[in-house]
């Protein structure tokens, strides 16, 4: 048995301190990781896409494509790590629609990128699609918008804030 003040006792004390520091660091990391993981939520929205008339500039009503008779569409708020589930219902009579999450890289969910005929088929009239992915982007302000027709991406009013 090592006696107090011996080299063996000093080595033992040093190893114990290092083990304690490493253990404390590891426990702290795991607690933070679990706290962040535990705070992730599933955020659900339903967006009903259709045509309606608005008079945005006072010169007379015009037809727009939007969400729930609103231009812009509703704000979607998420946190990094949240699971976002957005049900998009196509109420248009003849056109397919898709939603693109502008600025999101969609690293693990390319099938939900929303670029019609590139990463997904359009949502047929009268049908719906549930976009379901984990938000892994840097916190900030983004936008979602229609991406069915390249010649008028979001120009007809189908867009909204994604924060």
N, C-alpha and C. Protein backbone atom coordinates (compact mmCIF):
# COMPACT_ATOMS: atom_id res chain seq x y z
N UNK A 1 0.85 -1.18 0.00
CA UNK A 1 0.00 0.00 0.00
C UNK A 1 0.89 1.24 0.00
N UNK A 2 0.47 2.22 -0.77
CA UNK A 2 1.26 3.45 -0.87
C UNK A 2 1.06 4.31 0.36
N UNK A 3 2.13 4.93 0.78
CA UNK A 3 2.05 5.83 1.93
C UNK A 3 1.93 7.25 1.43
N UNK A 4 1.35 8.09 2.29
CA UNK A 4 1.15 9.49 1.93
C UNK A 4 2.50 10.13 1.63
N UNK A 5 2.56 10.87 0.53
CA UNK A 5 3.79 11.55 0.15
C UNK A 5 4.67 10.71 -0.75
N UNK A 6 4.34 9.45 -0.96
CA UNK A 6 5.16 8.60 -1.84
C UNK A 6 4.84 8.91 -3.30
N UNK A 7 5.75 8.58 -4.23
CA UNK A 7 5.48 8.80 -5.66
C UNK A 7 4.24 8.04 -6.12
N UNK A 8 3.99 6.87 -5.57
CA UNK A 8 2.83 6.09 -5.97
C UNK A 8 1.55 6.79 -5.53
N UNK A 9 1.53 7.34 -4.34
CA UNK A 9 0.36 8.07 -3.84
C UNK A 9 0.12 9.33 -4.66
N UNK A 10 1.18 10.02 -5.05
CA UNK A 10 1.05 11.23 -5.87
C UNK A 10 0.48 10.88 -7.24
N UNK A 11 0.98 9.79 -7.84
CA UNK A 11 0.48 9.35 -9.13
C UNK A 11 -0.99 8.97 -9.04
N UNK A 12 -1.35 8.24 -7.97
CA UNK A 12 -2.73 7.84 -7.75
C UNK A 12 -3.63 9.07 -7.62
N UNK A 13 -3.22 10.06 -6.87
CA UNK A 13 -3.99 11.29 -6.67
C UNK A 13 -4.16 12.04 -7.99
N UNK A 14 -3.09 12.10 -8.79
CA UNK A 14 -3.16 12.78 -10.09
C UNK A 14 -4.14 12.06 -11.01
N UNK A 15 -4.07 10.74 -11.06
CA UNK A 15 -4.98 9.97 -11.91
C UNK A 15 -6.43 10.15 -11.47
N UNK A 16 -6.66 10.19 -10.16
CA UNK A 16 -8.01 10.40 -9.65
C UNK A 16 -8.55 11.77 -10.05
N UNK A 17 -7.71 12.81 -9.94
CA UNK A 17 -8.14 14.16 -10.33
C UNK A 17 -8.46 14.21 -11.83
N UNK A 18 -7.61 13.61 -12.64
CA UNK A 18 -7.85 13.60 -14.10
C UNK A 18 -9.11 12.82 -14.44
N UNK A 19 -9.29 11.68 -13.78
CA UNK A 19 -10.49 10.88 -14.03
C UNK A 19 -11.73 11.68 -13.65
N UNK A 20 -11.66 12.36 -12.49
CA UNK A 20 -12.80 13.16 -12.03
C UNK A 20 -13.09 14.30 -13.01
N UNK A 21 -12.07 14.98 -13.51
CA UNK A 21 -12.26 16.07 -14.47
C UNK A 21 -12.88 15.55 -15.76
N UNK A 22 -12.37 14.43 -16.25
CA UNK A 22 -12.89 13.84 -17.48
C UNK A 22 -14.33 13.39 -17.29
N UNK A 23 -14.62 12.78 -16.16
CA UNK A 23 -15.98 12.32 -15.87
C UNK A 23 -16.93 13.51 -15.78
N UNK A 24 -16.52 14.57 -15.10
CA UNK A 24 -17.34 15.76 -14.98
C UNK A 24 -17.61 16.38 -16.36
N UNK A 25 -16.59 16.45 -17.19
CA UNK A 25 -16.74 16.98 -18.53
C UNK A 25 -17.70 16.13 -19.35
N UNK A 26 -17.55 14.82 -19.30
CA UNK A 26 -18.39 13.91 -20.05
C UNK A 26 -19.84 13.99 -19.59
N UNK A 27 -20.08 14.01 -18.29
CA UNK A 27 -21.44 14.12 -17.76
C UNK A 27 -22.07 15.45 -18.17
N UNK A 28 -21.30 16.53 -18.12
CA UNK A 28 -21.80 17.83 -18.55
C UNK A 28 -22.18 17.84 -20.01
N UNK A 29 -21.34 17.24 -20.85
CA UNK A 29 -21.63 17.17 -22.28
C UNK A 29 -22.90 16.37 -22.53
N UNK A 30 -23.01 15.21 -21.88
CA UNK A 30 -24.19 14.37 -22.08
C UNK A 30 -25.46 15.06 -21.61
N UNK A 31 -25.39 15.76 -20.49
CA UNK A 31 -26.56 16.49 -20.00
C UNK A 31 -26.99 17.57 -20.98
N UNK A 32 -26.03 18.33 -21.51
CA UNK A 32 -26.35 19.37 -22.49
C UNK A 32 -26.93 18.76 -23.75
N UNK A 33 -26.33 17.68 -24.22
CA UNK A 33 -26.80 17.02 -25.44
C UNK A 33 -28.23 16.50 -25.25
N UNK A 34 -28.49 15.85 -24.13
CA UNK A 34 -29.82 15.33 -23.87
C UNK A 34 -30.82 16.46 -23.68
N UNK A 35 -30.41 17.55 -23.07
CA UNK A 35 -31.31 18.69 -22.89
C UNK A 35 -31.69 19.28 -24.24
N UNK A 36 -30.72 19.42 -25.14
CA UNK A 36 -31.01 19.94 -26.46
C UNK A 36 -31.88 18.97 -27.24
N UNK A 37 -31.54 17.69 -27.16
CA UNK A 37 -32.30 16.69 -27.88
C UNK A 37 -33.72 16.62 -27.33
N UNK A 38 -33.85 16.73 -26.03
CA UNK A 38 -35.15 16.68 -25.40
C UNK A 38 -36.01 17.90 -25.70
N UNK A 39 -35.39 19.01 -26.06
CA UNK A 39 -36.15 20.23 -26.32
C UNK A 39 -36.66 20.30 -27.76
N UNK A 40 -36.20 19.39 -28.61
CA UNK A 40 -36.68 19.38 -29.99
C UNK A 40 -38.17 19.01 -30.00
N UNK A 41 -38.91 19.70 -30.83
CA UNK A 41 -40.35 19.49 -30.91
C UNK A 41 -40.73 19.05 -32.31
N UNK A 42 -41.93 18.54 -32.44
CA UNK A 42 -42.51 18.29 -33.75
C UNK A 42 -43.47 19.44 -34.01
N UNK A 43 -43.19 20.21 -35.04
CA UNK A 43 -44.00 21.38 -35.39
C UNK A 43 -44.84 21.00 -36.60
N UNK A 44 -46.16 21.12 -36.46
CA UNK A 44 -47.08 20.72 -37.53
C UNK A 44 -47.87 21.92 -38.06
N UNK A 45 -48.00 21.97 -39.37
CA UNK A 45 -48.80 23.00 -40.04
C UNK A 45 -49.57 22.35 -41.18
N UNK A 46 -50.69 22.94 -41.53
CA UNK A 46 -51.43 22.55 -42.72
C UNK A 46 -51.58 23.79 -43.58
N UNK A 47 -51.15 23.68 -44.84
CA UNK A 47 -51.24 24.79 -45.78
C UNK A 47 -52.19 24.37 -46.91
N UNK A 48 -53.31 25.08 -47.03
CA UNK A 48 -54.26 24.79 -48.10
C UNK A 48 -54.05 25.80 -49.21
N UNK A 49 -53.57 25.30 -50.33
CA UNK A 49 -53.22 26.15 -51.47
C UNK A 49 -54.41 26.27 -52.41
N UNK A 50 -54.72 27.50 -52.82
CA UNK A 50 -55.81 27.72 -53.76
C UNK A 50 -55.70 29.10 -54.38
N UNK A 51 -56.68 29.42 -55.23
CA UNK A 51 -56.75 30.73 -55.87
C UNK A 51 -57.83 31.58 -55.21
N UNK A 52 -57.57 32.87 -55.10
CA UNK A 52 -58.54 33.81 -54.57
C UNK A 52 -58.18 35.19 -55.09
N UNK A 53 -59.10 36.14 -54.89
CA UNK A 53 -58.89 37.50 -55.40
C UNK A 53 -58.48 38.42 -54.27
N UNK A 54 -57.50 39.29 -54.56
CA UNK A 54 -57.08 40.32 -53.61
C UNK A 54 -56.88 41.62 -54.38
N UNK A 55 -56.86 42.71 -53.64
CA UNK A 55 -56.61 44.02 -54.22
C UNK A 55 -55.42 44.64 -53.47
N UNK A 56 -54.21 44.18 -53.77
CA UNK A 56 -53.05 44.59 -52.97
C UNK A 56 -52.66 46.06 -53.11
N UNK A 57 -52.95 46.67 -54.25
CA UNK A 57 -52.50 48.05 -54.47
C UNK A 57 -53.65 49.03 -54.70
N UNK A 58 -54.88 48.58 -54.49
CA UNK A 58 -56.03 49.47 -54.62
C UNK A 58 -56.45 49.75 -56.05
N UNK A 59 -55.91 49.05 -57.02
CA UNK A 59 -56.27 49.29 -58.42
C UNK A 59 -57.30 48.30 -58.94
N UNK A 60 -57.76 47.41 -58.08
CA UNK A 60 -58.75 46.41 -58.48
C UNK A 60 -58.26 45.01 -58.13
N UNK A 61 -59.20 44.12 -57.89
CA UNK A 61 -58.82 42.77 -57.49
C UNK A 61 -58.16 41.98 -58.62
N UNK A 62 -57.28 41.10 -58.22
CA UNK A 62 -56.60 40.21 -59.15
C UNK A 62 -56.53 38.83 -58.53
N UNK A 63 -56.43 37.82 -59.37
CA UNK A 63 -56.32 36.45 -58.88
C UNK A 63 -54.90 36.16 -58.44
N UNK A 64 -54.77 35.53 -57.28
CA UNK A 64 -53.47 35.09 -56.79
C UNK A 64 -53.58 33.65 -56.31
N UNK A 65 -52.44 33.01 -56.22
CA UNK A 65 -52.38 31.67 -55.65
C UNK A 65 -51.77 31.84 -54.27
N UNK A 66 -52.47 31.40 -53.25
CA UNK A 66 -51.96 31.59 -51.90
C UNK A 66 -52.42 30.51 -50.96
N UNK A 67 -52.24 30.77 -49.69
CA UNK A 67 -52.53 29.78 -48.66
C UNK A 67 -53.64 30.33 -47.77
N UNK A 68 -54.77 29.63 -47.77
CA UNK A 68 -55.86 30.01 -46.88
C UNK A 68 -56.34 31.43 -47.07
N UNK A 69 -56.46 31.89 -48.30
CA UNK A 69 -56.90 33.26 -48.60
C UNK A 69 -55.99 34.32 -48.01
N UNK A 70 -54.70 34.03 -47.93
CA UNK A 70 -53.75 34.97 -47.33
C UNK A 70 -52.48 35.07 -48.17
N UNK A 71 -52.04 36.30 -48.36
CA UNK A 71 -50.74 36.56 -49.01
C UNK A 71 -50.04 37.59 -48.16
N UNK A 72 -48.89 37.33 -47.62
CA UNK A 72 -48.18 36.06 -47.69
C UNK A 72 -48.87 35.00 -46.84
N UNK A 73 -48.36 33.76 -46.94
CA UNK A 73 -48.90 32.66 -46.15
C UNK A 73 -48.50 32.80 -44.69
N UNK A 74 -48.97 31.91 -43.86
CA UNK A 74 -48.68 32.00 -42.42
C UNK A 74 -47.21 31.80 -42.10
N UNK A 75 -46.77 32.44 -41.04
CA UNK A 75 -45.39 32.28 -40.57
C UNK A 75 -45.23 30.90 -39.94
N UNK A 76 -44.13 30.24 -40.28
CA UNK A 76 -43.79 28.97 -39.66
C UNK A 76 -42.55 29.21 -38.81
N UNK A 77 -42.66 28.89 -37.51
CA UNK A 77 -41.54 29.08 -36.57
C UNK A 77 -41.05 27.72 -36.10
N UNK A 78 -39.74 27.50 -36.24
CA UNK A 78 -39.12 26.26 -35.79
C UNK A 78 -37.78 26.59 -35.15
N UNK A 79 -37.24 25.61 -34.44
CA UNK A 79 -35.89 25.73 -33.87
C UNK A 79 -35.03 24.66 -34.51
N UNK A 80 -33.75 24.92 -34.52
CA UNK A 80 -32.81 23.93 -35.05
C UNK A 80 -32.99 22.64 -34.27
N UNK A 81 -33.16 21.54 -34.99
CA UNK A 81 -33.37 20.23 -34.37
C UNK A 81 -34.83 19.82 -34.32
N UNK A 82 -35.76 20.77 -34.53
CA UNK A 82 -37.19 20.42 -34.56
C UNK A 82 -37.51 19.58 -35.78
N UNK A 83 -38.54 18.77 -35.64
CA UNK A 83 -39.07 18.03 -36.79
C UNK A 83 -40.23 18.85 -37.33
N UNK A 84 -40.18 19.18 -38.61
CA UNK A 84 -41.23 19.98 -39.24
C UNK A 84 -42.08 19.08 -40.12
N UNK A 85 -43.38 19.07 -39.85
CA UNK A 85 -44.33 18.32 -40.66
C UNK A 85 -45.37 19.30 -41.19
N UNK A 86 -45.32 19.50 -42.50
CA UNK A 86 -46.24 20.44 -43.14
C UNK A 86 -47.08 19.68 -44.15
N UNK A 87 -48.39 19.66 -43.91
CA UNK A 87 -49.31 19.03 -44.85
C UNK A 87 -49.75 20.10 -45.84
N UNK A 88 -49.42 19.90 -47.11
CA UNK A 88 -49.81 20.84 -48.16
C UNK A 88 -50.96 20.22 -48.94
N UNK A 89 -52.12 20.90 -48.90
CA UNK A 89 -53.32 20.43 -49.58
C UNK A 89 -53.50 21.28 -50.83
N UNK A 90 -53.59 20.65 -51.98
CA UNK A 90 -53.76 21.37 -53.25
C UNK A 90 -55.24 21.53 -53.55
N UNK A 91 -55.77 22.76 -53.35
CA UNK A 91 -57.17 23.08 -53.65
C UNK A 91 -57.34 23.72 -55.03
N UNK A 92 -56.23 23.80 -55.79
CA UNK A 92 -56.33 24.35 -57.15
C UNK A 92 -57.11 23.36 -58.03
N UNK A 93 -57.82 23.89 -59.02
CA UNK A 93 -58.66 23.03 -59.86
C UNK A 93 -57.86 22.23 -60.89
N UNK A 94 -56.79 22.82 -61.42
CA UNK A 94 -56.11 22.15 -62.53
C UNK A 94 -54.60 22.06 -62.40
N UNK A 95 -53.99 22.79 -61.48
CA UNK A 95 -52.53 22.85 -61.41
C UNK A 95 -51.94 22.02 -60.29
N UNK A 96 -50.78 21.44 -60.57
CA UNK A 96 -50.00 20.80 -59.53
C UNK A 96 -49.25 21.89 -58.76
N UNK A 97 -48.93 21.61 -57.49
CA UNK A 97 -48.16 22.56 -56.69
C UNK A 97 -47.04 21.80 -55.96
N UNK A 98 -46.06 22.56 -55.52
CA UNK A 98 -45.01 22.04 -54.63
C UNK A 98 -44.49 23.22 -53.82
N UNK A 99 -43.91 22.90 -52.67
CA UNK A 99 -43.37 23.94 -51.78
C UNK A 99 -41.87 23.73 -51.65
N UNK A 100 -41.12 24.80 -51.86
CA UNK A 100 -39.66 24.78 -51.71
C UNK A 100 -39.31 25.56 -50.45
N UNK A 101 -38.38 25.02 -49.66
CA UNK A 101 -37.96 25.61 -48.40
C UNK A 101 -36.68 26.38 -48.68
N UNK A 102 -36.81 27.62 -49.13
CA UNK A 102 -35.69 28.40 -49.67
C UNK A 102 -34.61 28.65 -48.62
N UNK A 103 -33.40 28.26 -48.96
CA UNK A 103 -32.27 28.43 -48.06
C UNK A 103 -31.94 27.17 -47.27
N UNK A 104 -32.88 26.23 -47.21
CA UNK A 104 -32.63 24.96 -46.53
C UNK A 104 -31.90 24.03 -47.49
N UNK A 105 -30.85 23.40 -47.00
CA UNK A 105 -30.09 22.48 -47.85
C UNK A 105 -30.72 21.10 -47.95
N UNK A 106 -31.60 20.77 -47.04
CA UNK A 106 -32.33 19.50 -47.04
C UNK A 106 -31.38 18.31 -47.16
N UNK A 107 -30.30 18.35 -46.38
CA UNK A 107 -29.25 17.33 -46.46
C UNK A 107 -29.77 15.90 -46.31
N UNK A 108 -30.69 15.69 -45.41
CA UNK A 108 -31.18 14.33 -45.17
C UNK A 108 -32.61 14.14 -45.68
N UNK A 109 -33.11 15.08 -46.46
CA UNK A 109 -34.50 14.99 -46.92
C UNK A 109 -34.67 15.63 -48.29
N UNK A 110 -33.80 15.27 -49.22
CA UNK A 110 -33.86 15.89 -50.55
C UNK A 110 -35.21 15.67 -51.25
N UNK A 111 -35.88 14.59 -50.89
CA UNK A 111 -37.17 14.31 -51.53
C UNK A 111 -38.24 15.33 -51.16
N UNK A 112 -37.97 16.17 -50.15
CA UNK A 112 -38.91 17.22 -49.75
C UNK A 112 -38.42 18.61 -50.13
N UNK A 113 -37.47 18.70 -51.04
CA UNK A 113 -36.92 20.01 -51.42
C UNK A 113 -37.93 20.86 -52.16
N UNK A 114 -38.88 20.25 -52.84
CA UNK A 114 -39.97 21.00 -53.46
C UNK A 114 -39.74 21.50 -54.86
N UNK A 115 -38.60 21.20 -55.46
CA UNK A 115 -38.37 21.62 -56.85
C UNK A 115 -39.06 20.60 -57.76
N UNK A 116 -40.23 20.97 -58.25
CA UNK A 116 -41.05 20.05 -59.04
C UNK A 116 -40.31 19.58 -60.29
N UNK A 117 -40.41 18.31 -60.55
CA UNK A 117 -39.77 17.62 -61.68
C UNK A 117 -38.27 17.47 -61.50
N UNK A 118 -37.73 17.93 -60.38
CA UNK A 118 -36.30 17.74 -60.10
C UNK A 118 -36.16 16.85 -58.87
N UNK A 119 -36.76 17.26 -57.75
CA UNK A 119 -36.66 16.46 -56.53
C UNK A 119 -37.98 15.85 -56.12
N UNK A 120 -39.07 16.27 -56.71
CA UNK A 120 -40.37 15.67 -56.38
C UNK A 120 -41.36 15.90 -57.50
N UNK A 121 -42.39 15.06 -57.52
CA UNK A 121 -43.51 15.27 -58.42
C UNK A 121 -44.42 16.30 -57.79
N UNK A 122 -45.20 16.98 -58.59
CA UNK A 122 -46.13 17.97 -58.05
C UNK A 122 -47.28 17.30 -57.31
N UNK A 123 -47.89 18.06 -56.43
CA UNK A 123 -49.07 17.58 -55.70
C UNK A 123 -50.27 17.81 -56.62
N UNK A 124 -50.92 16.74 -56.98
CA UNK A 124 -52.06 16.82 -57.91
C UNK A 124 -53.22 17.59 -57.29
N UNK A 125 -54.06 18.23 -58.13
CA UNK A 125 -55.25 18.92 -57.61
C UNK A 125 -56.11 17.95 -56.79
N UNK A 126 -56.56 18.43 -55.63
CA UNK A 126 -57.39 17.60 -54.76
C UNK A 126 -56.62 16.63 -53.89
N UNK A 127 -55.29 16.61 -53.98
CA UNK A 127 -54.47 15.72 -53.18
C UNK A 127 -53.61 16.52 -52.20
N UNK A 128 -52.88 15.79 -51.37
CA UNK A 128 -52.01 16.45 -50.39
C UNK A 128 -50.70 15.68 -50.27
N UNK A 129 -49.71 16.35 -49.70
CA UNK A 129 -48.41 15.75 -49.41
C UNK A 129 -47.98 16.26 -48.04
N UNK A 130 -47.40 15.38 -47.24
CA UNK A 130 -46.86 15.78 -45.96
C UNK A 130 -45.35 15.90 -46.10
N UNK A 131 -44.85 17.12 -46.01
CA UNK A 131 -43.41 17.36 -45.97
C UNK A 131 -42.98 17.06 -44.54
N UNK A 132 -41.98 16.22 -44.36
CA UNK A 132 -41.60 15.75 -43.04
C UNK A 132 -40.08 15.67 -42.96
N UNK A 133 -39.47 16.62 -42.24
CA UNK A 133 -38.01 16.63 -42.14
C UNK A 133 -37.56 17.31 -40.85
N UNK A 134 -36.31 17.06 -40.48
CA UNK A 134 -35.71 17.68 -39.30
C UNK A 134 -34.98 18.94 -39.76
N UNK A 135 -35.23 20.04 -39.07
CA UNK A 135 -34.61 21.32 -39.39
C UNK A 135 -33.18 21.31 -38.85
N UNK A 136 -32.21 21.30 -39.76
CA UNK A 136 -30.80 21.29 -39.32
C UNK A 136 -30.05 22.51 -39.85
N UNK A 137 -30.79 23.55 -40.18
CA UNK A 137 -30.18 24.76 -40.71
C UNK A 137 -29.74 25.70 -39.59
N UNK A 138 -28.85 26.60 -39.93
CA UNK A 138 -28.43 27.66 -39.01
C UNK A 138 -29.65 28.53 -38.71
N UNK A 139 -29.90 28.88 -37.45
CA UNK A 139 -31.04 29.74 -37.14
C UNK A 139 -30.99 31.04 -37.94
N UNK A 140 -32.15 31.48 -38.40
CA UNK A 140 -32.24 32.70 -39.19
C UNK A 140 -33.61 32.83 -39.81
N UNK A 141 -33.72 33.69 -40.78
CA UNK A 141 -34.98 33.92 -41.47
C UNK A 141 -34.90 33.35 -42.87
N UNK A 142 -35.86 32.52 -43.21
CA UNK A 142 -35.94 31.86 -44.50
C UNK A 142 -37.32 32.11 -45.08
N UNK A 143 -37.61 31.49 -46.22
CA UNK A 143 -38.91 31.64 -46.84
C UNK A 143 -39.29 30.32 -47.48
N UNK A 144 -40.58 30.02 -47.48
CA UNK A 144 -41.07 28.90 -48.28
C UNK A 144 -41.86 29.50 -49.43
N UNK A 145 -41.84 28.83 -50.58
CA UNK A 145 -42.57 29.36 -51.72
C UNK A 145 -42.90 28.25 -52.71
N UNK A 146 -43.82 28.57 -53.59
CA UNK A 146 -44.23 27.66 -54.65
C UNK A 146 -43.05 27.45 -55.59
N UNK A 147 -42.89 26.22 -56.05
CA UNK A 147 -41.76 25.94 -56.93
C UNK A 147 -42.17 25.01 -58.06
N UNK A 148 -43.42 25.16 -58.50
CA UNK A 148 -43.92 24.29 -59.55
C UNK A 148 -43.56 24.77 -60.94
N UNK A 149 -43.51 26.08 -61.12
CA UNK A 149 -43.26 26.64 -62.44
C UNK A 149 -42.13 27.66 -62.35
N UNK A 150 -41.03 27.36 -62.98
CA UNK A 150 -39.86 28.23 -62.86
C UNK A 150 -40.08 29.64 -63.38
N UNK A 151 -41.00 29.81 -64.31
CA UNK A 151 -41.20 31.14 -64.88
C UNK A 151 -41.90 32.10 -63.92
N UNK A 152 -42.51 31.58 -62.86
CA UNK A 152 -43.15 32.49 -61.90
C UNK A 152 -43.06 31.94 -60.47
N UNK A 153 -41.86 31.57 -60.06
CA UNK A 153 -41.66 31.08 -58.69
C UNK A 153 -42.09 32.16 -57.70
N UNK A 154 -43.10 31.86 -56.92
CA UNK A 154 -43.64 32.73 -55.88
C UNK A 154 -44.24 34.03 -56.40
N UNK A 155 -44.24 34.27 -57.70
CA UNK A 155 -44.74 35.54 -58.22
C UNK A 155 -46.26 35.65 -58.11
N UNK A 156 -46.95 34.54 -57.97
CA UNK A 156 -48.41 34.59 -57.90
C UNK A 156 -48.92 34.67 -56.48
N UNK A 157 -48.03 34.77 -55.50
CA UNK A 157 -48.47 34.99 -54.13
C UNK A 157 -48.28 33.83 -53.17
N UNK A 158 -47.84 32.69 -53.64
CA UNK A 158 -47.71 31.52 -52.76
C UNK A 158 -46.32 31.52 -52.13
N UNK A 159 -46.21 32.17 -50.97
CA UNK A 159 -44.95 32.21 -50.23
C UNK A 159 -45.27 32.59 -48.78
N UNK A 160 -44.30 32.39 -47.92
CA UNK A 160 -44.48 32.78 -46.52
C UNK A 160 -43.17 32.71 -45.76
N UNK A 161 -43.13 33.33 -44.59
CA UNK A 161 -41.89 33.37 -43.79
C UNK A 161 -41.66 32.06 -43.03
N UNK A 162 -40.40 31.71 -42.94
CA UNK A 162 -39.95 30.52 -42.22
C UNK A 162 -38.84 30.96 -41.29
N UNK A 163 -39.13 31.02 -39.99
CA UNK A 163 -38.19 31.58 -39.03
C UNK A 163 -37.75 30.50 -38.06
